[in-house]
Amino acid sequence: MRRRRAGMIAVVSATGMTAVLGGCGTTGSSDVTLRLVAADYGDSAANSSQKYWDRLAASYETRHPGVKVDVTVYSWNDVDRKVKDMVDAGQAPDLAQIGSYADYAAAGKLYEAGDLLSIPVQADFPSQLAEAGQWNHAQYGIPFAASTRVLFYNKTLFSAAGITTPPTTWNELAADAKALRADGVKYPYALPLGPEEAQAETMQWLLSGGSGYTDDTGSYTIDSTENIDTLTWLKDELVGKGLTGPVAPGRLNRATAFAAFADGQVGMVNGHPTLIKQAEKTGVKFGAVPMPARAGQSTATASMGVADWMAAFRQNGHAEQVGDFLDYVYSEKNVLAFSREYGLLPVTTSASQAMTDSTRAEDKQLRPFLEQLPTSELYPAGKTSWAAISAEIKKQIGTAVSPAGNPTAILTRLQAQAATADSRTAAATG
């Protein structure tokens, strides 16, 4: 049975949403330290996620004497590897806010969400995100942050190059990039296929080409004909023609691409809501449109959605304290605070509704992204092989579009690795 915590009373508000009223806030324990490892969503030391978590932990500790929360934040380049190293060394954190969870769930290392969260908090996650957090029909991945992707373009650079409308097809994107290059733009199209988040940029292009990482049954389709055609087009029409900037795509990270856009050096880049704040800080005039599609398609097959995950490890046995802390993390107030701080989408229904109803300018800017989220396609995070395959995509995909690259060979190798990983999982789970 699920746990019930004393001092917590479920009530139904006038809007019909279930809410939770806290009692004294104690978990009935003392001298417990929870270790949390988290990813950094900031773009500078000034807004590092370490500062967000330190504030939240201090606030929680004030309300919960005897419970300490020790937070360590790593960049997205390092956080998944750091957590894996900790787990492999038998030193798993209590909580990890990372990019995948299924491999840990399959190994029996995680608590189920229902063993930790109060009923109202667990029910507050939209079904799409809750289901994406499932392994073997049970939820282990707790959504933490979400975003969708659109094509950002610099209106000033477009105007200077004589471009009057943003692209709607790949061919128009390539033509616009060529015009930008002729006008001296450093990065006509920024193609970040470096190790930070190559799997995201790749997936957006694969979707716009009519395929993706998996099919409707969840089977990998990495080497589909459409995907090979997509990477071949990128290699020949953008990278090969010098339209992706002075830095090779395989060495360009997302953070660097975003910073270059905010510095006025990029004509076009796929971006999530965080880029809005970065561009506004530097006064860049920008527009945002759906990702252009292959010729013959009016829009991309689907927009890409990204969800990052909170996972709770069983090793230290702090289920009661972990659950109580997570209920605090996922309160409407704290979910909104994080989303507004980093320009990301709320992962709870209550916070999403509050943002939709808000009159704040920053919230209004996120509404187009919020509207895309329910129909967006997410990473196959529920596959135990995804963490390893995502890591391989980060390592290899930049090579596929390099001048000497071979998209067919790279995608075929990735597909074989994915199929092998899935076979091992099937054998292990019977």
Protein backbone atom coordinates (compact mmCIF):
# COMPACT_ATOMS: atom_id res chain seq x y z
CA MET A 1 0.00 0.00 0.00
CA ARG A 2 1.03 3.60 -0.55
CA ARG A 3 2.22 5.52 2.44
CA ARG A 4 0.07 8.16 4.11
CA ARG A 5 1.79 10.96 5.99
CA ALA A 6 0.39 12.45 9.17
CA GLY A 7 -0.47 16.11 8.96
CA MET A 8 -1.44 16.01 5.27
CA ILE A 9 -5.10 16.56 4.39
CA ALA A 10 -6.43 16.25 0.83
CA VAL A 11 -9.14 18.75 -0.04
CA VAL A 12 -10.99 19.67 -3.22
CA SER A 13 -10.82 23.30 -4.26
CA ALA A 14 -13.53 25.34 -5.91
CA THR A 15 -11.96 24.63 -9.29
CA GLY A 16 -12.21 20.90 -8.74
CA MET A 17 -8.44 20.45 -8.41
CA THR A 18 -7.19 18.39 -5.53
CA ALA A 19 -4.84 20.26 -3.24
CA VAL A 20 -2.86 19.40 -0.13
CA LEU A 21 -2.77 21.34 3.10
CA GLY A 22 0.35 20.78 5.13
CA GLY A 23 0.37 20.24 8.84
CA CYS A 24 3.40 20.90 10.98
CA GLY A 25 5.69 19.73 8.17
CA THR A 26 7.72 17.20 10.14
CA THR A 27 8.45 13.71 8.86
CA GLY A 28 8.91 12.35 12.33
CA SER A 29 12.62 11.69 11.77
CA SER A 30 15.81 13.43 12.70
CA ASP A 31 19.40 13.74 11.58
CA VAL A 32 18.74 12.60 8.03
CA THR A 33 20.71 14.02 5.12
CA LEU A 34 19.26 13.58 1.64
CA ARG A 35 21.74 13.73 -1.21
CA LEU A 36 20.41 15.19 -4.45
CA VAL A 37 22.35 15.37 -7.72
CA ALA A 38 20.84 17.76 -10.27
CA ALA A 39 21.50 19.15 -13.72
CA ASP A 40 22.35 22.78 -14.37
CA TYR A 41 19.79 24.74 -16.40
CA GLY A 42 21.51 28.10 -15.99
CA ASP A 43 23.49 29.86 -18.69
CA SER A 44 25.94 31.53 -16.31
CA ALA A 45 27.16 31.42 -12.72
CA ALA A 46 24.60 34.09 -11.88
CA ASN A 47 21.62 31.81 -12.49
CA SER A 48 23.14 28.41 -11.88
CA SER A 49 20.66 25.77 -10.77
CA GLN A 50 22.83 25.37 -7.68
CA LYS A 51 21.41 28.67 -6.45
CA TYR A 52 17.84 27.55 -7.09
CA TRP A 53 18.30 24.27 -5.24
CA ASP A 54 20.19 25.89 -2.36
CA ARG A 55 17.29 28.31 -1.81
CA LEU A 56 14.70 25.56 -2.03
CA ALA A 57 16.66 23.24 0.27
CA ALA A 58 17.13 25.98 2.85
CA SER A 59 13.42 26.75 2.77
CA TYR A 60 12.54 23.07 3.20
CA GLU A 61 15.02 22.56 6.03
CA THR A 62 13.51 25.48 7.94
CA ARG A 63 10.17 23.69 7.91
CA HIS A 64 11.61 20.23 8.60
CA PRO A 65 14.04 20.22 11.55
CA GLY A 66 16.44 17.30 11.47
CA VAL A 67 16.34 16.83 7.69
CA LYS A 68 19.15 18.27 5.57
CA VAL A 69 19.27 18.35 1.79
CA ASP A 70 22.75 18.27 0.26
CA VAL A 71 22.62 19.29 -3.41
CA THR A 72 25.34 18.91 -6.04
CA VAL A 73 24.76 20.37 -9.50
CA TYR A 74 26.61 19.28 -12.65
CA SER A 75 26.38 20.45 -16.24
CA TRP A 76 24.32 18.42 -18.68
CA ASN A 77 27.62 17.29 -20.19
CA ASP A 78 28.45 15.45 -16.98
CA VAL A 79 25.42 14.79 -14.80
CA ASP A 80 24.26 11.45 -16.24
CA ARG A 81 27.79 10.05 -16.17
CA LYS A 82 28.38 11.32 -12.63
CA VAL A 83 25.25 9.61 -11.36
CA LYS A 84 26.12 6.37 -13.15
CA ASP A 85 29.58 6.42 -11.57
CA MET A 86 28.05 6.94 -8.13
CA VAL A 87 25.61 4.08 -8.61
CA ASP A 88 28.29 1.76 -9.96
CA ALA A 89 30.45 2.56 -6.93
CA GLY A 90 27.62 1.67 -4.56
CA GLN A 91 27.15 5.30 -3.53
CA ALA A 92 23.84 6.19 -5.17
CA PRO A 93 22.34 9.56 -4.20
CA ASP A 94 18.88 9.61 -2.69
CA LEU A 95 17.63 11.66 -5.65
CA ALA A 96 18.97 12.33 -9.11
CA GLN A 97 17.55 14.81 -11.58
CA ILE A 98 18.82 13.39 -14.88
CA GLY A 99 17.98 12.57 -18.47
CA SER A 100 16.81 8.95 -18.13
CA TYR A 101 15.66 6.49 -15.52
CA ALA A 102 14.58 3.17 -17.09
CA ASP A 103 17.89 1.34 -16.81
CA TYR A 104 17.97 2.03 -13.07
CA ALA A 105 14.33 0.98 -12.72
CA ALA A 106 14.98 -2.31 -14.52
CA ALA A 107 17.90 -2.98 -12.18
CA GLY A 108 15.60 -2.60 -9.17
CA LYS A 109 17.42 0.45 -7.88
CA LEU A 110 14.53 2.96 -7.84
CA TYR A 111 11.44 3.59 -5.78
CA GLU A 112 8.15 3.73 -7.64
CA ALA A 113 6.61 7.18 -7.67
CA GLY A 114 3.56 5.83 -5.87
CA ASP A 115 5.72 4.73 -2.94
CA LEU A 116 6.92 8.29 -2.41
CA LEU A 117 4.49 10.95 -3.54
CA SER A 118 1.23 11.90 -1.91
CA ILE A 119 -1.81 11.07 -4.02
CA PRO A 120 -2.61 14.70 -5.00
CA VAL A 121 0.97 15.35 -6.15
CA GLN A 122 1.16 12.17 -8.22
CA ALA A 123 -2.24 12.91 -9.77
CA ASP A 124 -1.07 16.40 -10.76
CA PHE A 125 1.23 15.13 -13.53
CA PRO A 126 -0.35 15.20 -17.02
CA SER A 127 -1.01 11.68 -18.28
CA GLN A 128 1.40 12.07 -21.20
CA LEU A 129 4.31 12.81 -18.85
CA ALA A 130 3.29 10.27 -16.22
CA GLU A 131 3.08 7.53 -18.85
CA ALA A 132 6.44 8.54 -20.31
CA GLY A 133 7.86 7.95 -16.82
CA GLN A 134 6.79 4.31 -16.77
CA TRP A 135 8.91 1.22 -17.00
CA ASN A 136 7.15 -2.16 -17.07
CA HIS A 137 3.79 -0.41 -16.47
CA ALA A 138 4.88 1.30 -13.25
CA GLN A 139 6.01 4.91 -12.88
CA TYR A 140 9.61 5.31 -11.78
CA GLY A 141 10.52 8.46 -13.67
CA ILE A 142 9.04 11.62 -12.14
CA PRO A 143 8.94 14.44 -14.71
CA PHE A 144 10.90 17.45 -13.55
CA ALA A 145 11.16 19.92 -16.43
CA ALA A 146 9.70 19.98 -19.92
CA SER A 147 10.09 21.91 -23.14
CA THR A 148 9.22 21.81 -26.80
CA ARG A 149 11.35 23.05 -29.68
CA VAL A 150 10.82 25.66 -32.37
CA LEU A 151 13.04 27.37 -34.92
CA PHE A 152 14.32 30.73 -33.65
CA TYR A 153 15.51 33.25 -36.24
CA ASN A 154 17.21 36.63 -35.93
CA LYS A 155 14.90 39.21 -37.50
CA THR A 156 17.66 41.82 -37.86
CA LEU A 157 19.99 39.45 -39.71
CA PHE A 158 17.13 38.23 -41.90
CA SER A 159 16.21 41.77 -42.88
CA ALA A 160 19.82 42.70 -43.66
CA ALA A 161 20.10 39.65 -45.92
CA GLY A 162 16.88 40.53 -47.75
CA ILE A 163 14.86 37.62 -46.28
CA THR A 164 11.25 38.68 -45.71
CA THR A 165 9.66 35.53 -44.24
CA PRO A 166 10.94 32.64 -42.10
CA PRO A 167 11.42 29.24 -43.76
CA THR A 168 8.72 26.58 -43.83
CA THR A 169 10.66 23.87 -45.74
CA TRP A 170 14.19 22.54 -45.66
CA ASN A 171 14.92 24.00 -49.07
CA GLU A 172 13.82 27.45 -47.90
CA LEU A 173 15.97 27.05 -44.77
CA ALA A 174 19.00 26.21 -46.92
CA ALA A 175 18.32 29.16 -49.24
CA ASP A 176 17.98 31.50 -46.26
CA ALA A 177 21.20 30.14 -44.75
CA LYS A 178 22.98 30.78 -48.05
CA ALA A 179 21.73 34.39 -48.11
CA LEU A 180 22.84 34.88 -44.51
CA ARG A 181 26.28 33.46 -45.26
CA ALA A 182 26.63 35.82 -48.23
CA ASP A 183 25.84 38.70 -45.87
CA GLY A 184 28.64 37.67 -43.50
CA VAL A 185 26.66 35.93 -40.75
CA LYS A 186 28.95 33.74 -38.65
CA TYR A 187 26.43 30.93 -38.07
CA PRO A 188 23.74 30.98 -40.79
CA TYR A 189 22.27 27.89 -39.13
CA ALA A 190 23.65 26.71 -35.78
CA LEU A 191 23.67 22.90 -35.74
CA PRO A 192 24.65 21.79 -32.19
CA LEU A 193 25.56 18.12 -32.48
CA GLY A 194 28.16 18.29 -29.72
CA PRO A 195 28.00 16.03 -26.65
CA GLU A 196 25.77 18.27 -24.56
CA GLU A 197 22.48 17.55 -26.32
CA ALA A 198 23.08 16.12 -29.79
CA GLN A 199 20.23 13.66 -29.31
CA ALA A 200 17.74 16.56 -29.18
CA GLU A 201 18.88 18.40 -32.31
CA THR A 202 19.03 15.07 -34.13
CA MET A 203 15.54 14.05 -33.07
CA GLN A 204 14.04 17.36 -34.20
CA TRP A 205 15.51 16.88 -37.65
CA LEU A 206 14.44 13.23 -37.83
CA LEU A 207 10.87 14.16 -36.93
CA SER A 208 10.81 16.91 -39.53
CA GLY A 209 11.97 14.31 -42.04
CA GLY A 210 9.00 12.07 -41.32
CA SER A 211 10.53 9.50 -38.97
CA GLY A 212 12.23 9.46 -35.56
CA TYR A 213 14.07 7.18 -33.16
CA THR A 214 11.17 4.73 -32.77
CA ASP A 215 7.98 3.68 -34.54
CA ASP A 216 4.44 3.56 -33.16
CA THR A 217 5.13 0.25 -31.40
CA GLY A 218 8.21 1.60 -29.63
CA SER A 219 10.72 -0.31 -31.76
CA TYR A 220 13.87 1.52 -32.79
CA THR A 221 13.90 2.85 -36.37
CA ILE A 222 17.18 4.74 -36.20
CA ASP A 223 18.36 3.54 -39.62
CA SER A 224 15.07 4.10 -41.45
CA THR A 225 15.26 5.31 -45.01
CA GLU A 226 13.78 8.65 -43.96
CA ASN A 227 16.40 9.12 -41.25
CA ILE A 228 19.25 8.31 -43.61
CA ASP A 229 17.84 10.78 -46.11
CA THR A 230 17.54 13.43 -43.40
CA LEU A 231 21.16 13.20 -42.26
CA THR A 232 22.37 12.96 -45.84
CA TRP A 233 20.53 16.19 -46.63
CA LEU A 234 22.07 17.90 -43.60
CA LYS A 235 25.53 16.70 -44.60
CA ASP A 236 25.23 17.71 -48.24
CA GLU A 237 23.03 20.82 -48.16
CA LEU A 238 24.00 22.56 -44.92
CA VAL A 239 27.28 21.29 -43.46
CA GLY A 240 28.91 20.52 -46.80
CA LYS A 241 28.09 23.95 -48.16
CA GLY A 242 29.52 25.80 -45.17
CA LEU A 243 26.17 27.01 -43.87
CA THR A 244 26.47 25.76 -40.28
CA GLY A 245 29.14 28.07 -38.96
CA PRO A 246 32.86 28.09 -38.31
CA VAL A 247 32.54 25.41 -35.59
CA ALA A 248 31.95 21.84 -36.77
CA PRO A 249 28.52 20.55 -35.65
CA GLY A 250 30.10 17.70 -33.69
CA ARG A 251 32.01 20.24 -31.58
CA LEU A 252 29.16 22.72 -31.12
CA ASN A 253 27.18 22.37 -27.89
CA ARG A 254 23.68 23.71 -27.35
CA ALA A 255 24.80 26.21 -24.69
CA THR A 256 27.39 27.65 -27.06
CA ALA A 257 24.88 27.85 -29.90
CA PHE A 258 22.35 29.62 -27.68
CA ALA A 259 24.98 32.07 -26.45
CA ALA A 260 25.99 32.82 -30.04
CA PHE A 261 22.34 33.46 -30.94
CA ALA A 262 21.99 35.83 -28.00
CA ASP A 263 25.17 37.55 -29.18
CA GLY A 264 23.64 38.20 -32.62
CA GLN A 265 25.94 35.78 -34.47
CA VAL A 266 23.35 33.15 -35.44
CA GLY A 267 20.71 33.40 -38.13
CA MET A 268 18.69 30.33 -37.16
CA VAL A 269 18.76 27.71 -34.41
CA ASN A 270 16.37 25.16 -32.97
CA GLY A 271 15.64 26.26 -29.42
CA HIS A 272 13.50 25.76 -26.37
CA PRO A 273 11.91 28.47 -24.21
CA THR A 274 15.12 29.22 -22.28
CA LEU A 275 16.47 30.96 -25.36
CA ILE A 276 13.77 33.64 -25.08
CA LYS A 277 15.30 35.08 -21.91
CA GLN A 278 18.84 34.88 -23.26
CA ALA A 279 17.93 36.74 -26.42
CA GLU A 280 15.91 39.36 -24.60
CA LYS A 281 18.77 40.11 -22.21
CA THR A 282 20.96 41.17 -25.14
CA GLY A 283 18.23 42.88 -27.13
CA VAL A 284 18.18 40.43 -30.04
CA LYS A 285 15.02 40.77 -32.11
CA PHE A 286 13.84 37.28 -32.90
CA GLY A 287 10.94 35.28 -34.21
CA ALA A 288 9.97 31.66 -33.54
CA VAL A 289 8.20 29.29 -35.93
CA PRO A 290 7.59 25.54 -36.19
CA MET A 291 10.52 23.49 -37.42
CA PRO A 292 10.59 23.50 -41.25
CA ALA A 293 9.77 20.19 -42.89
CA ARG A 294 10.96 18.14 -45.83
CA ALA A 295 9.69 19.40 -49.19
CA GLY A 296 6.08 18.34 -49.71
CA GLN A 297 5.18 18.57 -46.04
CA SER A 298 3.63 21.75 -44.72
CA THR A 299 4.86 21.20 -41.18
CA ALA A 300 7.04 18.78 -39.31
CA THR A 301 5.47 15.40 -38.58
CA ALA A 302 5.50 16.23 -34.88
CA SER A 303 7.09 18.76 -32.62
CA MET A 304 9.70 17.43 -30.26
CA GLY A 305 9.03 17.48 -26.57
CA VAL A 306 11.67 16.94 -23.92
CA ALA A 307 11.11 15.85 -20.35
CA ASP A 308 13.87 15.52 -17.80
CA TRP A 309 13.42 13.17 -14.89
CA MET A 310 13.70 12.92 -11.15
CA ALA A 311 14.62 9.45 -9.92
CA ALA A 312 14.70 8.25 -6.31
CA PHE A 313 17.22 5.54 -5.42
CA ARG A 314 16.38 2.85 -2.88
CA GLN A 315 19.91 2.29 -1.59
CA ASN A 316 19.82 4.63 1.41
CA GLY A 317 16.29 3.77 2.47
CA HIS A 318 15.00 7.30 3.08
CA ALA A 319 11.62 6.81 1.43
CA GLU A 320 9.63 8.85 3.94
CA GLN A 321 11.97 11.84 3.85
CA VAL A 322 12.45 11.65 0.08
CA GLY A 323 8.71 11.58 -0.51
CA ASP A 324 8.08 14.49 1.79
CA PHE A 325 10.79 16.55 0.12
CA LEU A 326 9.44 15.72 -3.34
CA ASP A 327 5.95 16.82 -2.33
CA TYR A 328 7.53 20.17 -1.46
CA VAL A 329 9.52 20.31 -4.71
CA TYR A 330 6.37 19.69 -6.75
CA SER A 331 4.14 22.23 -5.01
CA GLU A 332 2.56 24.64 -7.48
CA LYS A 333 4.61 27.52 -6.09
CA ASN A 334 7.95 25.76 -6.53
CA VAL A 335 7.17 24.29 -9.95
CA LEU A 336 6.21 27.75 -11.19
CA ALA A 337 9.31 29.31 -9.62
CA PHE A 338 11.62 26.87 -11.40
CA SER A 339 9.80 27.18 -14.72
CA ARG A 340 9.92 30.97 -14.62
CA GLU A 341 13.55 31.05 -13.53
CA TYR A 342 14.74 28.97 -16.48
CA GLY A 343 12.05 29.54 -19.10
CA LEU A 344 10.87 25.93 -19.08
CA LEU A 345 7.41 24.38 -19.07
CA PRO A 346 5.71 23.25 -15.85
CA VAL A 347 5.30 19.51 -15.44
CA THR A 348 2.19 19.64 -13.29
CA THR A 349 -1.37 20.39 -14.36
CA SER A 350 -1.90 22.93 -11.60
CA ALA A 351 1.22 24.94 -12.44
CA SER A 352 0.48 24.75 -16.18
CA GLN A 353 -3.02 26.08 -15.59
CA ALA A 354 -1.66 28.87 -13.41
CA MET A 355 0.79 29.83 -16.14
CA THR A 356 -1.94 29.72 -18.80
CA ASP A 357 -4.18 31.98 -16.72
CA SER A 358 -1.38 34.36 -15.78
CA THR A 359 -1.15 37.90 -17.11
CA ARG A 360 2.64 38.01 -16.64
CA ALA A 361 4.46 38.75 -19.89
CA GLU A 362 7.00 35.98 -19.30
CA ASP A 363 4.21 33.44 -18.89
CA LYS A 364 2.43 34.58 -22.03
CA GLN A 365 5.60 33.94 -24.03
CA LEU A 366 5.55 30.30 -22.99
CA ARG A 367 1.97 29.59 -24.03
CA PRO A 368 2.84 28.52 -27.61
CA PHE A 369 5.26 25.97 -26.15
CA LEU A 370 2.67 24.81 -23.60
CA GLU A 371 0.15 24.29 -26.39
CA GLN A 372 2.59 22.05 -28.28
CA LEU A 373 3.49 19.83 -25.33
CA PRO A 374 0.41 17.53 -25.27
CA THR A 375 0.96 16.46 -28.90
CA SER A 376 4.75 16.50 -28.95
CA GLU A 377 6.88 13.38 -29.25
CA LEU A 378 9.23 12.61 -26.38
CA TYR A 379 12.43 10.61 -26.18
CA PRO A 380 11.86 6.86 -25.66
CA ALA A 381 12.91 7.30 -22.03
CA GLY A 382 10.94 4.25 -20.88
CA LYS A 383 13.30 1.96 -22.80
CA THR A 384 16.11 0.64 -20.63
CA SER A 385 18.46 0.94 -23.59
CA TRP A 386 17.78 4.65 -24.13
CA ALA A 387 20.44 6.01 -21.77
CA ALA A 388 23.16 4.04 -23.54
CA ILE A 389 21.84 4.78 -27.04
CA SER A 390 21.45 8.47 -26.26
CA ALA A 391 25.08 8.51 -25.14
CA GLU A 392 26.13 6.82 -28.38
CA ILE A 393 24.16 9.33 -30.45
CA LYS A 394 26.00 12.13 -28.66
CA LYS A 395 29.32 10.50 -29.52
CA GLN A 396 28.68 9.54 -33.12
CA ILE A 397 26.05 11.71 -34.80
CA GLY A 398 28.30 14.72 -35.39
CA THR A 399 30.61 12.49 -37.42
CA ALA A 400 27.71 11.38 -39.62
CA VAL A 401 27.21 14.87 -41.06
CA SER A 402 30.87 15.83 -41.31
CA PRO A 403 32.31 16.25 -44.83
CA ALA A 404 33.86 12.79 -44.67
CA GLY A 405 30.96 11.27 -42.76
CA ASN A 406 28.74 8.38 -43.77
CA PRO A 407 25.17 8.80 -42.46
CA THR A 408 24.14 5.31 -43.54
CA ALA A 409 27.02 3.65 -41.72
CA ILE A 410 26.55 5.66 -38.53
CA LEU A 411 22.79 5.12 -38.34
CA THR A 412 23.15 1.42 -39.17
CA ARG A 413 25.68 1.02 -36.36
CA LEU A 414 23.44 2.88 -33.91
CA GLN A 415 20.46 0.73 -34.90
CA ALA A 416 22.49 -2.45 -34.33
CA GLN A 417 23.59 -1.20 -30.92
CA ALA A 418 20.00 -0.35 -30.02
CA ALA A 419 18.69 -3.73 -31.18
CA THR A 420 21.37 -5.55 -29.18
CA ALA A 421 20.57 -3.51 -26.08
CA ASP A 422 16.85 -4.27 -26.45
CA SER A 423 17.54 -7.99 -26.89
CA ARG A 424 19.61 -8.07 -23.71
CA THR A 425 16.83 -6.33 -21.84
CA ALA A 426 14.23 -8.79 -23.12
CA ALA A 427 16.40 -11.73 -22.07
CA ALA A 428 17.03 -10.24 -18.63
CA THR A 429 13.36 -9.57 -17.93
CA GLY A 430 12.19 -12.90 -19.27
